Amino acid sequence: MKKIMFLIGLAFITIFYLSGSFAMAKPRPRPEPTGEPQVIQVVKLTKAPVLDGEVSDWSSVPGNKIKVNPAFIGDEKARYGEGEVLLKVGYLGENVYFLAQWKDSTLNNTHKNFIWDETQKRYRAGKDREDRFIFKFHMSGKYSTSKLAGWASVSDVWHWKAYRSNEAGLAHDKSHIVSNVKIAKSKKHIDQNGKKSGCLVPRTKAIRYINQSATRKKSKT
């Protein structure tokens, strides 16, 4: 197999075990990565892998170990914490294929399921949160692993969701736009410097679809 190398920043992969929250008492932003970006090995495939979540098609493809950390230090709701992703990448023709594996003691494949509230006599959204995985590619501006850094940037995002996209065999292709200038249909956040006008992240985004493995199995480790 022909081998090529891609330079990809360490911050481009994010695991969401359960959705984090920035509402806790003074979590500290993690320092931005320094030094040279990690080199990701990519190989030319002789046959396209079947997108079924099985790893047998990938036995001859070398793996890249990538460390992941919460964007904020001290964020207790970032429950996955520190971890490691084994990433395999191959291409064939105009298509690129990814296999990502990480240890996870639970399989979270429901998201905000409605629960009947007998007291209020109505349904309310539950606290369950799905597993998620993101590829994030820096397009312009000053990139940060946190959308609350106060820096303007645009990133292309491929977002796999265990409940909202996985069953359809898809991942969402969207954009993250962070700006200090008001954007239509955006949500305002307070950045880590306390500026009320710091970050506006659009809630309405153009969503396209890409092929994605349709099976996410619970880790046995």
Protein backbone atom coordinates (compact mmCIF):
# COMPACT_ATOMS: atom_id res chain seq x y z
CA MET A 1 0.00 0.00 0.00
CA LYS A 2 1.23 3.47 -0.86
CA LYS A 3 1.82 5.60 2.22
CA ILE A 4 1.43 9.35 2.53
CA MET A 5 1.59 11.69 5.50
CA PHE A 6 -0.90 14.35 6.57
CA LEU A 7 -0.15 17.03 9.15
CA ILE A 8 -3.17 17.37 11.39
CA GLY A 9 -3.33 19.42 14.59
CA LEU A 10 -3.86 17.50 17.82
CA ALA A 11 -6.97 19.55 18.57
CA PHE A 12 -8.99 18.43 15.54
CA ILE A 13 -10.55 15.42 17.26
CA THR A 14 -13.06 15.69 20.05
CA ILE A 15 -14.92 12.96 21.92
CA PHE A 16 -18.19 13.78 23.62
CA TYR A 17 -18.86 11.01 26.12
CA LEU A 18 -21.52 13.15 27.74
CA SER A 19 -22.07 16.80 26.93
CA GLY A 20 -19.83 19.06 28.97
CA SER A 21 -20.93 22.24 30.66
CA PHE A 22 -19.21 25.55 31.29
CA ALA A 23 -21.58 26.46 34.13
CA MET A 24 -19.52 25.05 36.97
CA ALA A 25 -17.32 27.22 39.19
CA LYS A 26 -14.41 28.70 37.27
CA PRO A 27 -13.09 25.90 35.06
CA ARG A 28 -9.75 26.92 33.57
CA PRO A 29 -9.20 26.84 29.81
CA ARG A 30 -6.60 24.29 28.81
CA PRO A 31 -3.46 25.84 27.32
CA GLU A 32 -3.32 25.64 23.55
CA PRO A 33 -1.11 22.84 22.11
CA THR A 34 2.43 23.90 21.32
CA GLY A 35 5.15 22.47 19.13
CA GLU A 36 4.83 20.61 15.86
CA PRO A 37 1.46 19.11 14.89
CA GLN A 38 1.13 15.35 15.11
CA VAL A 39 1.80 13.47 11.88
CA ILE A 40 -1.10 11.22 10.87
CA GLN A 41 -0.19 8.31 8.63
CA VAL A 42 -2.59 7.75 5.72
CA VAL A 43 -2.40 4.82 3.31
CA LYS A 44 -3.78 4.13 -0.15
CA LEU A 45 -6.29 1.28 0.03
CA THR A 46 -6.69 -1.49 -2.50
CA LYS A 47 -10.35 -1.97 -1.58
CA ALA A 48 -12.87 0.28 0.12
CA PRO A 49 -13.79 -0.88 3.65
CA VAL A 50 -17.41 -1.79 4.36
CA LEU A 51 -19.00 0.95 6.47
CA ASP A 52 -20.46 -1.35 9.11
CA GLY A 53 -18.39 -0.59 12.22
CA GLU A 54 -16.42 -3.84 11.96
CA VAL A 55 -12.63 -3.55 12.12
CA SER A 56 -11.59 -6.62 10.09
CA ASP A 57 -11.22 -4.53 6.92
CA TRP A 58 -8.65 -2.38 8.70
CA SER A 59 -6.19 -5.01 9.91
CA SER A 60 -3.44 -3.96 7.47
CA VAL A 61 -3.88 -0.21 8.02
CA PRO A 62 -1.47 1.35 10.56
CA GLY A 63 -3.00 3.10 13.55
CA ASN A 64 -2.28 6.56 14.93
CA LYS A 65 -2.61 7.07 18.69
CA ILE A 66 -3.99 10.52 19.53
CA LYS A 67 -4.37 11.87 23.06
CA VAL A 68 -7.53 13.83 23.85
CA ASN A 69 -8.29 16.10 26.80
CA PRO A 70 -11.22 18.25 27.93
CA ALA A 71 -11.02 21.79 26.54
CA PHE A 72 -11.47 23.12 30.10
CA ILE A 73 -9.50 21.95 33.13
CA GLY A 74 -11.75 21.32 36.11
CA ASP A 75 -14.93 20.81 34.10
CA GLU A 76 -16.45 17.95 36.09
CA LYS A 77 -19.19 17.41 33.51
CA ALA A 78 -16.66 16.56 30.82
CA ARG A 79 -16.99 13.00 32.03
CA TYR A 80 -14.83 11.23 29.48
CA GLY A 81 -11.82 13.12 30.80
CA GLU A 82 -8.42 12.34 29.37
CA GLY A 83 -8.20 9.51 26.89
CA GLU A 84 -6.70 8.16 23.70
CA VAL A 85 -8.14 7.59 20.24
CA LEU A 86 -6.77 5.02 17.82
CA LEU A 87 -7.29 6.53 14.38
CA LYS A 88 -6.80 4.72 11.07
CA VAL A 89 -7.09 6.59 7.78
CA GLY A 90 -7.10 5.33 4.22
CA TYR A 91 -8.08 6.69 0.82
CA LEU A 92 -9.20 5.21 -2.47
CA GLY A 93 -9.93 7.38 -5.47
CA GLU A 94 -11.76 10.50 -4.33
CA ASN A 95 -12.91 8.99 -1.02
CA VAL A 96 -11.19 9.04 2.37
CA TYR A 97 -12.10 6.55 5.11
CA PHE A 98 -11.63 6.81 8.88
CA LEU A 99 -11.76 4.26 11.68
CA ALA A 100 -11.77 5.71 15.20
CA GLN A 101 -11.67 3.55 18.34
CA TRP A 102 -11.61 4.55 22.00
CA LYS A 103 -12.29 2.89 25.34
CA ASP A 104 -15.70 3.54 26.82
CA SER A 105 -17.28 1.59 29.66
CA THR A 106 -20.82 2.53 28.61
CA LEU A 107 -22.78 2.80 25.37
CA ASN A 108 -24.78 6.03 25.33
CA ASN A 109 -27.09 5.85 22.32
CA THR A 110 -30.08 7.89 23.51
CA HIS A 111 -30.35 11.67 23.68
CA LYS A 112 -32.81 13.80 25.66
CA ASN A 113 -35.55 11.18 25.56
CA PHE A 114 -38.89 12.49 26.77
CA ILE A 115 -39.84 11.39 30.29
CA TRP A 116 -43.32 11.74 31.74
CA ASP A 117 -43.44 14.12 34.71
CA GLU A 118 -46.39 13.02 36.82
CA THR A 119 -46.23 16.13 39.00
CA GLN A 120 -46.40 18.57 36.10
CA LYS A 121 -48.53 16.25 33.95
CA ARG A 122 -46.32 16.71 30.93
CA TYR A 123 -43.28 15.26 29.20
CA ARG A 124 -39.85 16.78 29.78
CA ALA A 125 -36.47 16.15 28.16
CA GLY A 126 -34.37 13.60 30.04
CA LYS A 127 -30.76 13.99 31.12
CA ASP A 128 -29.47 11.21 28.87
CA ARG A 129 -26.79 12.32 26.41
CA GLU A 130 -25.48 10.41 23.41
CA ASP A 131 -21.87 9.56 22.60
CA ARG A 132 -20.47 11.90 19.95
CA PHE A 133 -17.31 12.20 17.90
CA ILE A 134 -16.06 15.18 15.89
CA PHE A 135 -13.49 15.84 13.22
CA LYS A 136 -12.83 19.58 13.20
CA PHE A 137 -10.81 21.24 10.43
CA HIS A 138 -9.52 24.78 10.87
CA MET A 139 -10.49 26.93 7.87
CA SER A 140 -9.70 30.53 8.83
CA GLY A 141 -9.03 32.84 11.78
CA LYS A 142 -7.21 31.89 14.98
CA TYR A 143 -8.15 28.37 15.98
CA SER A 144 -8.72 27.26 19.55
CA THR A 145 -9.87 23.99 21.06
CA SER A 146 -12.47 26.05 22.95
CA LYS A 147 -15.22 28.11 21.30
CA LEU A 148 -15.02 30.39 24.34
CA ALA A 149 -11.41 31.48 23.81
CA GLY A 150 -12.55 34.83 22.40
CA TRP A 151 -10.87 34.31 19.04
CA ALA A 152 -12.72 34.62 15.74
CA SER A 153 -12.48 31.52 13.56
CA VAL A 154 -14.26 29.29 11.06
CA SER A 155 -13.99 25.49 11.16
CA ASP A 156 -15.46 22.70 9.06
CA VAL A 157 -16.97 20.02 11.31
CA TRP A 158 -17.89 16.37 10.72
CA HIS A 159 -20.10 15.37 13.63
CA TRP A 160 -21.05 11.74 14.40
CA LYS A 161 -23.84 11.25 16.95
CA ALA A 162 -24.67 7.86 18.42
CA TYR A 163 -28.41 8.59 18.47
CA ARG A 164 -29.23 11.43 16.09
CA SER A 165 -27.13 10.33 13.10
CA ASN A 166 -25.69 6.85 13.63
CA GLU A 167 -28.85 4.85 13.00
CA ALA A 168 -29.09 6.43 9.56
CA GLY A 169 -25.43 5.63 8.86
CA LEU A 170 -24.59 9.32 8.62
CA ALA A 171 -22.59 12.11 10.18
CA HIS A 172 -23.45 15.80 9.96
CA ASP A 173 -21.17 18.09 7.97
CA LYS A 174 -21.48 21.61 9.36
CA SER A 175 -19.54 24.74 10.23
CA HIS A 176 -18.51 26.29 13.53
CA ILE A 177 -18.30 30.07 13.14
CA VAL A 178 -17.05 32.03 16.14
CA SER A 179 -17.13 35.81 15.84
CA ASN A 180 -16.88 38.96 17.94
CA VAL A 181 -19.37 40.57 15.56
CA LYS A 182 -23.07 39.67 15.79
CA ILE A 183 -24.17 36.97 13.36
CA ALA A 184 -27.76 36.38 12.33
CA LYS A 185 -29.41 33.37 14.01
CA SER A 186 -26.49 32.93 16.40
CA LYS A 187 -26.28 32.35 20.12
CA LYS A 188 -24.25 34.69 22.30
CA HIS A 189 -21.80 33.30 24.85
CA ILE A 190 -19.53 34.88 27.43
CA ASP A 191 -15.94 34.05 26.56
CA GLN A 192 -13.25 33.00 29.02
CA ASN A 193 -12.18 36.65 29.42
CA GLY A 194 -15.65 37.60 30.61
CA LYS A 195 -16.62 39.59 27.50
CA LYS A 196 -20.34 39.40 26.87
CA SER A 197 -19.90 40.00 23.16
CA GLY A 198 -17.10 37.48 22.86
CA CYS A 199 -18.43 34.45 21.06
CA LEU A 200 -21.40 33.94 18.83
CA VAL A 201 -21.84 30.44 17.46
CA PRO A 202 -24.57 29.98 14.82
CA ARG A 203 -27.29 27.56 15.80
CA THR A 204 -28.63 27.30 12.27
CA LYS A 205 -26.09 25.72 9.98
CA ALA A 206 -26.17 24.18 6.54
CA ILE A 207 -26.10 20.44 7.14
CA ARG A 208 -24.91 17.98 4.55
CA TYR A 209 -24.18 14.30 4.99
CA ILE A 210 -21.21 12.03 4.58
CA ASN A 211 -20.92 8.26 4.68
CA GLN A 212 -20.27 7.03 8.19
CA SER A 213 -19.88 3.70 9.90
CA ALA A 214 -23.32 2.60 11.08
CA THR A 215 -22.26 0.55 14.10
CA ARG A 216 -20.69 1.71 17.35
CA LYS A 217 -19.99 -1.18 19.72
CA LYS A 218 -19.58 -1.07 23.48
CA SER A 219 -16.01 -1.58 24.55
CA LYS A 220 -15.24 -4.80 26.36
CA THR A 221 -12.24 -3.29 28.12
